[in-house]
Amino acid sequence: MAEPITHIHKPTFTEEQVMEQKLEVLKKQFANNEDALNKILDIVGELHEIGVLEAANSALQAKEKIAKIVLEQVSREPVTHLLNTLMGATGAMMAANPNQITTLIKSAMAGVDAGSQFVQEDKRVRVRDLMKTLKDPDINRAIGFGLHFLKGMGKELQENDQPQK
């Protein structure tokens, strides 16, 4: 019968042998990825030529100063107001019906185009022209939308103006 294994002998390598093995692995990786490495080196060369690497190095050296400046700028009152406004607008947009928002934005863009076209023509609008335009179904629809928009907005403003219980 064979004797049981009681000790596993691990080969120990010298530091030179470990380095040699690592170099062999790197050589194989370089040989297998020559095209990719050439592209990376080309990109790094371009970045160096235009000064991006130097700028990145300087930014890394001054990272604490940059972080301090960024924090000071972000904590300014106008920036905090902007962030709060963006968060509120994002919340409102998430609650809105996407189809309605898309229709509203497309309609607004069409209105901007038509308005820009009118401004380029340099025409005057007379009171009689305004009265005639109320018969136009497109204008009547837009005015109706605007009036109901203002009514809904006023209602919401009144509800939010009431003290919270």
N, C-alpha and C. Protein backbone atom coordinates (compact mmCIF):
# COMPACT_ATOMS: atom_id res chain seq x y z
N MET A 1 0.82 -1.20 0.00
CA MET A 1 0.00 0.00 0.00
C MET A 1 0.86 1.24 0.00
N ALA A 2 0.27 2.25 -0.58
CA ALA A 2 0.99 3.51 -0.66
C ALA A 2 0.80 4.28 0.62
N GLU A 3 1.77 5.10 0.89
CA GLU A 3 1.67 5.94 2.08
C GLU A 3 0.81 7.16 1.80
N PRO A 4 0.03 7.62 2.78
CA PRO A 4 -0.81 8.81 2.57
C PRO A 4 0.07 10.06 2.41
N ILE A 5 -0.49 11.00 1.62
CA ILE A 5 0.24 12.26 1.40
C ILE A 5 0.02 13.13 2.62
N THR A 6 1.07 13.52 3.25
CA THR A 6 0.97 14.36 4.45
C THR A 6 1.53 15.74 4.23
N HIS A 7 2.28 15.89 3.15
CA HIS A 7 2.89 17.19 2.91
C HIS A 7 2.90 17.47 1.41
N ILE A 8 2.42 18.66 1.03
CA ILE A 8 2.44 19.04 -0.38
C ILE A 8 3.61 19.98 -0.57
N HIS A 9 4.45 19.62 -1.49
CA HIS A 9 5.64 20.42 -1.75
C HIS A 9 5.34 21.43 -2.85
N LYS A 10 5.38 22.69 -2.49
CA LYS A 10 5.17 23.76 -3.46
C LYS A 10 6.52 24.23 -3.95
N PRO A 11 6.63 24.35 -5.25
CA PRO A 11 7.92 24.86 -5.72
C PRO A 11 8.06 26.34 -5.36
N THR A 12 9.19 26.73 -4.92
CA THR A 12 9.44 28.13 -4.60
C THR A 12 10.32 28.71 -5.70
N PHE A 13 9.95 29.89 -6.14
CA PHE A 13 10.67 30.55 -7.20
C PHE A 13 11.44 31.73 -6.64
N THR A 14 12.55 31.97 -7.22
CA THR A 14 13.31 33.16 -6.82
C THR A 14 12.62 34.38 -7.42
N GLU A 15 13.01 35.50 -6.95
CA GLU A 15 12.43 36.75 -7.45
C GLU A 15 12.72 36.92 -8.94
N GLU A 16 13.88 36.51 -9.36
CA GLU A 16 14.25 36.60 -10.78
C GLU A 16 13.36 35.69 -11.62
N GLN A 17 13.07 34.49 -11.14
CA GLN A 17 12.22 33.56 -11.87
C GLN A 17 10.78 34.10 -11.99
N VAL A 18 10.28 34.70 -10.92
CA VAL A 18 8.93 35.29 -10.93
C VAL A 18 8.88 36.42 -11.96
N MET A 19 9.90 37.27 -11.97
CA MET A 19 9.97 38.37 -12.92
C MET A 19 10.04 37.84 -14.35
N GLU A 20 10.79 36.79 -14.55
CA GLU A 20 10.92 36.19 -15.88
C GLU A 20 9.58 35.64 -16.36
N GLN A 21 8.84 35.00 -15.48
CA GLN A 21 7.52 34.48 -15.83
C GLN A 21 6.56 35.62 -16.19
N LYS A 22 6.59 36.68 -15.42
CA LYS A 22 5.73 37.83 -15.68
C LYS A 22 6.08 38.47 -17.02
N LEU A 23 7.36 38.56 -17.32
CA LEU A 23 7.79 39.12 -18.60
C LEU A 23 7.32 38.25 -19.77
N GLU A 24 7.36 36.95 -19.60
CA GLU A 24 6.89 36.04 -20.65
C GLU A 24 5.40 36.23 -20.91
N VAL A 25 4.62 36.38 -19.82
CA VAL A 25 3.17 36.60 -19.97
C VAL A 25 2.92 37.92 -20.70
N LEU A 26 3.67 38.95 -20.31
CA LEU A 26 3.51 40.25 -20.98
C LEU A 26 3.89 40.18 -22.45
N LYS A 27 4.93 39.46 -22.78
CA LYS A 27 5.35 39.32 -24.17
C LYS A 27 4.24 38.67 -25.00
N LYS A 28 3.63 37.64 -24.44
CA LYS A 28 2.54 36.96 -25.15
C LYS A 28 1.34 37.90 -25.34
N GLN A 29 1.03 38.66 -24.29
CA GLN A 29 -0.09 39.60 -24.40
C GLN A 29 0.20 40.68 -25.45
N PHE A 30 1.41 41.20 -25.48
CA PHE A 30 1.79 42.19 -26.49
C PHE A 30 1.68 41.60 -27.89
N ALA A 31 2.16 40.39 -28.05
CA ALA A 31 2.13 39.74 -29.37
C ALA A 31 0.70 39.49 -29.83
N ASN A 32 -0.17 39.09 -28.91
CA ASN A 32 -1.56 38.78 -29.26
C ASN A 32 -2.42 40.02 -29.50
N ASN A 33 -2.02 41.16 -28.96
CA ASN A 33 -2.84 42.38 -29.04
C ASN A 33 -2.08 43.53 -29.69
N GLU A 34 -1.28 43.24 -30.66
CA GLU A 34 -0.42 44.25 -31.28
C GLU A 34 -1.23 45.42 -31.86
N ASP A 35 -2.31 45.13 -32.61
CA ASP A 35 -3.10 46.18 -33.24
C ASP A 35 -3.73 47.10 -32.19
N ALA A 36 -4.31 46.51 -31.17
CA ALA A 36 -4.95 47.30 -30.12
C ALA A 36 -3.93 48.17 -29.41
N LEU A 37 -2.77 47.62 -29.11
CA LEU A 37 -1.72 48.38 -28.42
C LEU A 37 -1.21 49.53 -29.29
N ASN A 38 -1.08 49.28 -30.59
CA ASN A 38 -0.65 50.36 -31.49
C ASN A 38 -1.66 51.50 -31.51
N LYS A 39 -2.94 51.16 -31.52
CA LYS A 39 -3.98 52.19 -31.49
C LYS A 39 -3.93 52.97 -30.19
N ILE A 40 -3.77 52.28 -29.09
CA ILE A 40 -3.68 52.95 -27.78
C ILE A 40 -2.49 53.89 -27.76
N LEU A 41 -1.37 53.44 -28.26
CA LEU A 41 -0.16 54.29 -28.28
C LEU A 41 -0.37 55.50 -29.19
N ASP A 42 -1.07 55.32 -30.32
CA ASP A 42 -1.37 56.45 -31.21
C ASP A 42 -2.24 57.48 -30.48
N ILE A 43 -3.26 56.98 -29.77
CA ILE A 43 -4.15 57.87 -29.03
C ILE A 43 -3.39 58.63 -27.95
N VAL A 44 -2.57 57.92 -27.20
CA VAL A 44 -1.77 58.56 -26.14
C VAL A 44 -0.83 59.60 -26.74
N GLY A 45 -0.24 59.27 -27.90
CA GLY A 45 0.64 60.24 -28.57
C GLY A 45 -0.11 61.50 -28.97
N GLU A 46 -1.31 61.35 -29.50
CA GLU A 46 -2.12 62.51 -29.87
C GLU A 46 -2.47 63.33 -28.64
N LEU A 47 -2.87 62.66 -27.57
CA LEU A 47 -3.21 63.36 -26.33
C LEU A 47 -2.01 64.14 -25.79
N HIS A 48 -0.84 63.55 -25.92
CA HIS A 48 0.38 64.22 -25.47
C HIS A 48 0.66 65.45 -26.33
N GLU A 49 0.52 65.30 -27.65
CA GLU A 49 0.80 66.41 -28.56
C GLU A 49 -0.09 67.62 -28.30
N ILE A 50 -1.36 67.39 -28.00
CA ILE A 50 -2.26 68.53 -27.79
C ILE A 50 -2.28 69.01 -26.34
N GLY A 51 -1.51 68.38 -25.48
CA GLY A 51 -1.35 68.87 -24.11
C GLY A 51 -2.34 68.32 -23.10
N VAL A 52 -3.15 67.35 -23.50
CA VAL A 52 -4.15 66.81 -22.59
C VAL A 52 -3.49 66.06 -21.45
N LEU A 53 -2.44 65.31 -21.75
CA LEU A 53 -1.78 64.53 -20.69
C LEU A 53 -1.15 65.45 -19.64
N GLU A 54 -0.55 66.52 -20.10
CA GLU A 54 0.05 67.47 -19.16
C GLU A 54 -1.02 68.12 -18.29
N ALA A 55 -2.15 68.48 -18.92
CA ALA A 55 -3.25 69.08 -18.16
C ALA A 55 -3.81 68.08 -17.14
N ALA A 56 -3.98 66.83 -17.57
CA ALA A 56 -4.49 65.81 -16.65
C ALA A 56 -3.53 65.57 -15.50
N ASN A 57 -2.24 65.56 -15.79
CA ASN A 57 -1.24 65.38 -14.75
C ASN A 57 -1.28 66.54 -13.75
N SER A 58 -1.39 67.76 -14.28
CA SER A 58 -1.47 68.94 -13.41
C SER A 58 -2.73 68.88 -12.55
N ALA A 59 -3.84 68.45 -13.15
CA ALA A 59 -5.09 68.34 -12.39
C ALA A 59 -4.96 67.30 -11.28
N LEU A 60 -4.28 66.20 -11.57
CA LEU A 60 -4.08 65.17 -10.54
C LEU A 60 -3.19 65.69 -9.41
N GLN A 61 -2.19 66.48 -9.77
CA GLN A 61 -1.30 67.04 -8.75
C GLN A 61 -2.05 68.01 -7.85
N ALA A 62 -3.04 68.73 -8.43
CA ALA A 62 -3.77 69.75 -7.68
C ALA A 62 -5.17 69.28 -7.30
N LYS A 63 -5.37 67.97 -7.16
CA LYS A 63 -6.72 67.44 -6.95
C LYS A 63 -7.39 67.98 -5.69
N GLU A 64 -6.65 68.19 -4.63
CA GLU A 64 -7.26 68.70 -3.40
C GLU A 64 -7.72 70.14 -3.58
N LYS A 65 -6.90 70.95 -4.24
CA LYS A 65 -7.27 72.34 -4.50
C LYS A 65 -8.50 72.40 -5.41
N ILE A 66 -8.51 71.55 -6.44
CA ILE A 66 -9.63 71.53 -7.38
C ILE A 66 -10.91 71.09 -6.66
N ALA A 67 -10.81 70.07 -5.83
CA ALA A 67 -11.98 69.59 -5.08
C ALA A 67 -12.53 70.69 -4.18
N LYS A 68 -11.64 71.44 -3.55
CA LYS A 68 -12.07 72.53 -2.67
C LYS A 68 -12.79 73.61 -3.47
N ILE A 69 -12.25 73.96 -4.63
CA ILE A 69 -12.88 74.98 -5.48
C ILE A 69 -14.25 74.50 -5.96
N VAL A 70 -14.32 73.24 -6.40
CA VAL A 70 -15.60 72.70 -6.88
C VAL A 70 -16.64 72.72 -5.77
N LEU A 71 -16.26 72.31 -4.58
CA LEU A 71 -17.20 72.31 -3.46
C LEU A 71 -17.66 73.72 -3.12
N GLU A 72 -16.74 74.67 -3.16
CA GLU A 72 -17.11 76.06 -2.90
C GLU A 72 -18.10 76.57 -3.95
N GLN A 73 -17.86 76.23 -5.21
CA GLN A 73 -18.74 76.70 -6.29
C GLN A 73 -20.11 76.02 -6.22
N VAL A 74 -20.13 74.73 -5.92
CA VAL A 74 -21.40 74.01 -5.87
C VAL A 74 -22.24 74.45 -4.69
N SER A 75 -21.61 74.86 -3.61
CA SER A 75 -22.37 75.25 -2.42
C SER A 75 -22.83 76.71 -2.45
N ARG A 76 -22.51 77.43 -3.53
CA ARG A 76 -23.01 78.81 -3.66
C ARG A 76 -24.53 78.79 -3.80
N GLU A 77 -25.16 79.84 -3.30
CA GLU A 77 -26.62 79.90 -3.30
C GLU A 77 -27.25 79.77 -4.70
N PRO A 78 -26.75 80.47 -5.72
CA PRO A 78 -27.37 80.30 -7.04
C PRO A 78 -27.31 78.86 -7.55
N VAL A 79 -26.22 78.18 -7.25
CA VAL A 79 -26.08 76.79 -7.72
C VAL A 79 -27.04 75.89 -6.97
N THR A 80 -27.18 76.09 -5.66
CA THR A 80 -28.12 75.26 -4.90
C THR A 80 -29.55 75.52 -5.36
N HIS A 81 -29.87 76.79 -5.69
CA HIS A 81 -31.20 77.08 -6.23
C HIS A 81 -31.41 76.36 -7.56
N LEU A 82 -30.39 76.37 -8.40
CA LEU A 82 -30.48 75.68 -9.69
C LEU A 82 -30.70 74.19 -9.49
N LEU A 83 -29.93 73.58 -8.58
CA LEU A 83 -30.08 72.15 -8.32
C LEU A 83 -31.47 71.82 -7.79
N ASN A 84 -31.98 72.66 -6.87
CA ASN A 84 -33.32 72.44 -6.33
C ASN A 84 -34.37 72.58 -7.42
N THR A 85 -34.18 73.57 -8.31
CA THR A 85 -35.12 73.77 -9.42
C THR A 85 -35.09 72.57 -10.36
N LEU A 86 -33.89 72.09 -10.68
CA LEU A 86 -33.77 70.93 -11.56
C LEU A 86 -34.43 69.70 -10.95
N MET A 87 -34.25 69.50 -9.64
CA MET A 87 -34.86 68.35 -8.99
C MET A 87 -36.39 68.48 -9.00
N GLY A 88 -36.90 69.70 -8.76
CA GLY A 88 -38.35 69.91 -8.82
C GLY A 88 -38.89 69.70 -10.21
N ALA A 89 -38.19 70.23 -11.22
CA ALA A 89 -38.62 70.07 -12.60
C ALA A 89 -38.57 68.61 -13.01
N THR A 90 -37.53 67.90 -12.57
CA THR A 90 -37.41 66.47 -12.90
C THR A 90 -38.57 65.69 -12.28
N GLY A 91 -38.90 66.01 -11.04
CA GLY A 91 -40.03 65.34 -10.38
C GLY A 91 -41.33 65.60 -11.11
N ALA A 92 -41.53 66.85 -11.53
CA ALA A 92 -42.76 67.18 -12.26
C ALA A 92 -42.79 66.48 -13.62
N MET A 93 -41.66 66.42 -14.30
CA MET A 93 -41.60 65.76 -15.60
C MET A 93 -41.87 64.26 -15.47
N MET A 94 -41.40 63.66 -14.37
CA MET A 94 -41.62 62.22 -14.17
C MET A 94 -43.09 61.94 -13.90
N ALA A 95 -43.79 62.90 -13.29
CA ALA A 95 -45.20 62.71 -12.99
C ALA A 95 -46.08 63.00 -14.20
N ALA A 96 -45.56 63.71 -15.20
CA ALA A 96 -46.34 64.10 -16.36
C ALA A 96 -46.51 62.95 -17.34
N ASN A 97 -47.55 63.05 -18.13
CA ASN A 97 -47.81 62.08 -19.19
C ASN A 97 -46.83 62.34 -20.33
N PRO A 98 -45.99 61.38 -20.70
CA PRO A 98 -44.98 61.60 -21.74
C PRO A 98 -45.57 62.02 -23.08
N ASN A 99 -46.74 61.48 -23.44
CA ASN A 99 -47.36 61.84 -24.71
C ASN A 99 -47.79 63.31 -24.72
N GLN A 100 -48.33 63.77 -23.58
CA GLN A 100 -48.74 65.17 -23.49
C GLN A 100 -47.53 66.09 -23.58
N ILE A 101 -46.45 65.73 -22.90
CA ILE A 101 -45.24 66.55 -22.92
C ILE A 101 -44.67 66.60 -24.33
N THR A 102 -44.64 65.45 -25.01
CA THR A 102 -44.11 65.41 -26.38
C THR A 102 -44.95 66.30 -27.30
N THR A 103 -46.28 66.18 -27.18
CA THR A 103 -47.17 67.00 -28.00
C THR A 103 -46.97 68.48 -27.70
N LEU A 104 -46.85 68.82 -26.43
CA LEU A 104 -46.66 70.21 -26.03
C LEU A 104 -45.35 70.77 -26.58
N ILE A 105 -44.28 70.00 -26.49
CA ILE A 105 -42.98 70.47 -26.97
C ILE A 105 -42.99 70.62 -28.49
N LYS A 106 -43.57 69.64 -29.20
CA LYS A 106 -43.66 69.75 -30.66
C LYS A 106 -44.50 70.96 -31.06
N SER A 107 -45.60 71.18 -30.34
CA SER A 107 -46.46 72.32 -30.64
C SER A 107 -45.73 73.63 -30.39
N ALA A 108 -44.98 73.68 -29.28
CA ALA A 108 -44.23 74.89 -28.96
C ALA A 108 -43.17 75.17 -30.02
N MET A 109 -42.50 74.11 -30.49
CA MET A 109 -41.47 74.29 -31.52
C MET A 109 -42.10 74.77 -32.84
N ALA A 110 -43.27 74.23 -33.19
CA ALA A 110 -43.97 74.69 -34.39
C ALA A 110 -44.37 76.15 -34.23
N GLY A 111 -44.79 76.52 -33.02
CA GLY A 111 -45.14 77.92 -32.75
C GLY A 111 -43.93 78.84 -32.87
N VAL A 112 -42.79 78.39 -32.38
CA VAL A 112 -41.56 79.18 -32.47
C VAL A 112 -41.18 79.37 -33.95
N ASP A 113 -41.30 78.32 -34.73
CA ASP A 113 -40.98 78.42 -36.16
C ASP A 113 -41.91 79.42 -36.85
N ALA A 114 -43.22 79.29 -36.59
CA ALA A 114 -44.18 80.20 -37.22
C ALA A 114 -43.96 81.64 -36.75
N GLY A 115 -43.67 81.81 -35.47
CA GLY A 115 -43.41 83.15 -34.94
C GLY A 115 -42.16 83.76 -35.55
N SER A 116 -41.12 82.96 -35.71
CA SER A 116 -39.88 83.45 -36.32
C SER A 116 -40.11 83.86 -37.76
N GLN A 117 -40.91 83.09 -38.46
CA GLN A 117 -41.23 83.40 -39.84
C GLN A 117 -41.98 84.73 -39.92
N PHE A 118 -42.93 84.95 -38.99
CA PHE A 118 -43.69 86.20 -38.99
C PHE A 118 -42.78 87.40 -38.71
N VAL A 119 -41.87 87.23 -37.76
CA VAL A 119 -40.97 88.33 -37.40
C VAL A 119 -40.09 88.70 -38.60
N GLN A 120 -39.67 87.74 -39.38
CA GLN A 120 -38.83 88.02 -40.55
C GLN A 120 -39.60 88.77 -41.63
N GLU A 121 -40.94 88.58 -41.69
CA GLU A 121 -41.74 89.27 -42.69
C GLU A 121 -41.94 90.74 -42.35
N ASP A 122 -41.77 91.10 -41.09
CA ASP A 122 -41.88 92.49 -40.63
C ASP A 122 -43.26 93.08 -40.94
N LYS A 123 -44.33 92.34 -40.67
CA LYS A 123 -45.70 92.81 -40.85
C LYS A 123 -46.22 93.37 -39.54
N ARG A 124 -47.27 94.17 -39.64
CA ARG A 124 -47.95 94.70 -38.45
C ARG A 124 -49.23 93.92 -38.23
N VAL A 125 -49.62 93.77 -36.99
CA VAL A 125 -50.88 93.12 -36.65
C VAL A 125 -51.85 94.19 -36.22
N ARG A 126 -53.03 94.17 -36.83
CA ARG A 126 -54.06 95.15 -36.51
C ARG A 126 -55.15 94.48 -35.67
N VAL A 127 -55.96 95.28 -35.00
CA VAL A 127 -57.03 94.75 -34.16
C VAL A 127 -58.00 93.93 -35.00
N ARG A 128 -58.30 94.37 -36.18
CA ARG A 128 -59.22 93.64 -37.06
C ARG A 128 -58.63 92.26 -37.39
N ASP A 129 -57.30 92.22 -37.62
CA ASP A 129 -56.64 90.93 -37.89
C ASP A 129 -56.80 89.98 -36.71
N LEU A 130 -56.71 90.54 -35.50
CA LEU A 130 -56.88 89.70 -34.30
C LEU A 130 -58.27 89.11 -34.25
N MET A 131 -59.27 89.91 -34.54
CA MET A 131 -60.66 89.42 -34.49
C MET A 131 -60.88 88.33 -35.54
N LYS A 132 -60.29 88.49 -36.72
CA LYS A 132 -60.43 87.49 -37.78
C LYS A 132 -59.76 86.17 -37.38
N THR A 133 -58.64 86.29 -36.71
CA THR A 133 -57.88 85.07 -36.37
C THR A 133 -58.61 84.19 -35.37
N LEU A 134 -59.55 84.76 -34.60
CA LEU A 134 -60.29 83.93 -33.65
C LEU A 134 -61.14 82.89 -34.36
N LYS A 135 -61.46 83.13 -35.63
CA LYS A 135 -62.24 82.17 -36.40
C LYS A 135 -61.36 81.02 -36.92
N ASP A 136 -60.06 81.22 -36.92
CA ASP A 136 -59.13 80.17 -37.37
C ASP A 136 -59.11 79.07 -36.30
N PRO A 137 -59.43 77.82 -36.68
CA PRO A 137 -59.49 76.75 -35.68
C PRO A 137 -58.16 76.50 -34.96
N ASP A 138 -57.04 76.67 -35.64
CA ASP A 138 -55.74 76.46 -35.00
C ASP A 138 -55.49 77.50 -33.92
N ILE A 139 -55.77 78.74 -34.25
CA ILE A 139 -55.56 79.82 -33.27
C ILE A 139 -56.55 79.68 -32.13
N ASN A 140 -57.81 79.37 -32.46
CA ASN A 140 -58.82 79.20 -31.43
C ASN A 140 -58.42 78.08 -30.47
N ARG A 141 -57.88 76.99 -31.01
CA ARG A 141 -57.44 75.86 -30.19
C ARG A 141 -56.30 76.30 -29.26
N ALA A 142 -55.34 77.06 -29.80
CA ALA A 142 -54.20 77.51 -29.00
C ALA A 142 -54.64 78.49 -27.92
N ILE A 143 -55.56 79.39 -28.25
CA ILE A 143 -56.06 80.35 -27.25
C ILE A 143 -56.84 79.60 -26.17
N GLY A 144 -57.68 78.65 -26.59
CA GLY A 144 -58.41 77.84 -25.60
C GLY A 144 -57.46 77.08 -24.69
N PHE A 145 -56.43 76.50 -25.29
CA PHE A 145 -55.43 75.79 -24.49
C PHE A 145 -54.78 76.76 -23.50
N GLY A 146 -54.40 77.95 -23.98
CA GLY A 146 -53.75 78.93 -23.12
C GLY A 146 -54.64 79.37 -21.97
N LEU A 147 -55.92 79.61 -22.25
CA LEU A 147 -56.85 80.03 -21.20
C LEU A 147 -57.03 78.94 -20.15
N HIS A 148 -57.20 77.70 -20.60
CA HIS A 148 -57.36 76.59 -19.65
C HIS A 148 -56.06 76.29 -18.91
N PHE A 149 -54.96 76.48 -19.59
CA PHE A 149 -53.65 76.34 -18.94
C PHE A 149 -53.54 77.33 -17.79
N LEU A 150 -53.90 78.59 -18.06
CA LEU A 150 -53.82 79.62 -17.03
C LEU A 150 -54.79 79.33 -15.89
N LYS A 151 -55.99 78.82 -16.20
CA LYS A 151 -56.95 78.50 -15.16
C LYS A 151 -56.41 77.38 -14.26
N GLY A 152 -55.89 76.31 -14.87
CA GLY A 152 -55.33 75.21 -14.08
C GLY A 152 -54.14 75.66 -13.25
N MET A 153 -53.31 76.51 -13.83
CA MET A 153 -52.14 77.03 -13.11
C MET A 153 -52.59 77.88 -11.92
N GLY A 154 -53.60 78.72 -12.13
CA GLY A 154 -54.12 79.56 -11.03
C GLY A 154 -54.71 78.73 -9.92
N LYS A 155 -55.43 77.67 -10.30
CA LYS A 155 -56.02 76.77 -9.30
C LYS A 155 -54.94 76.12 -8.46
N GLU A 156 -53.90 75.63 -9.12
CA GLU A 156 -52.80 74.97 -8.41
C GLU A 156 -52.08 75.97 -7.51
N LEU A 157 -51.90 77.20 -8.00
CA LEU A 157 -51.25 78.22 -7.19
C LEU A 157 -52.06 78.52 -5.94
N GLN A 158 -53.38 78.55 -6.06
CA GLN A 158 -54.23 78.82 -4.90
C GLN A 158 -54.15 77.67 -3.90
N GLU A 159 -54.14 76.42 -4.41
CA GLU A 159 -54.07 75.27 -3.52
C GLU A 159 -52.74 75.23 -2.78
N ASN A 160 -51.67 75.59 -3.45
CA ASN A 160 -50.36 75.58 -2.81
C ASN A 160 -50.16 76.77 -1.91
N ASP A 161 -50.98 77.80 -2.07
CA ASP A 161 -50.87 78.99 -1.23
C ASP A 161 -51.54 78.79 0.11
N GLN A 162 -52.47 77.82 0.18
CA GLN A 162 -53.20 77.52 1.41
C GLN A 162 -52.22 76.92 2.44
N PRO A 163 -52.42 77.26 3.72
CA PRO A 163 -51.53 76.67 4.73
C PRO A 163 -51.73 75.15 4.81
N GLN A 164 -50.60 74.44 4.92
CA GLN A 164 -50.61 72.98 5.00
C GLN A 164 -51.08 72.54 6.39
N LYS A 165 -51.91 71.50 6.45
CA LYS A 165 -52.38 70.99 7.74
C LYS A 165 -51.51 69.90 8.23
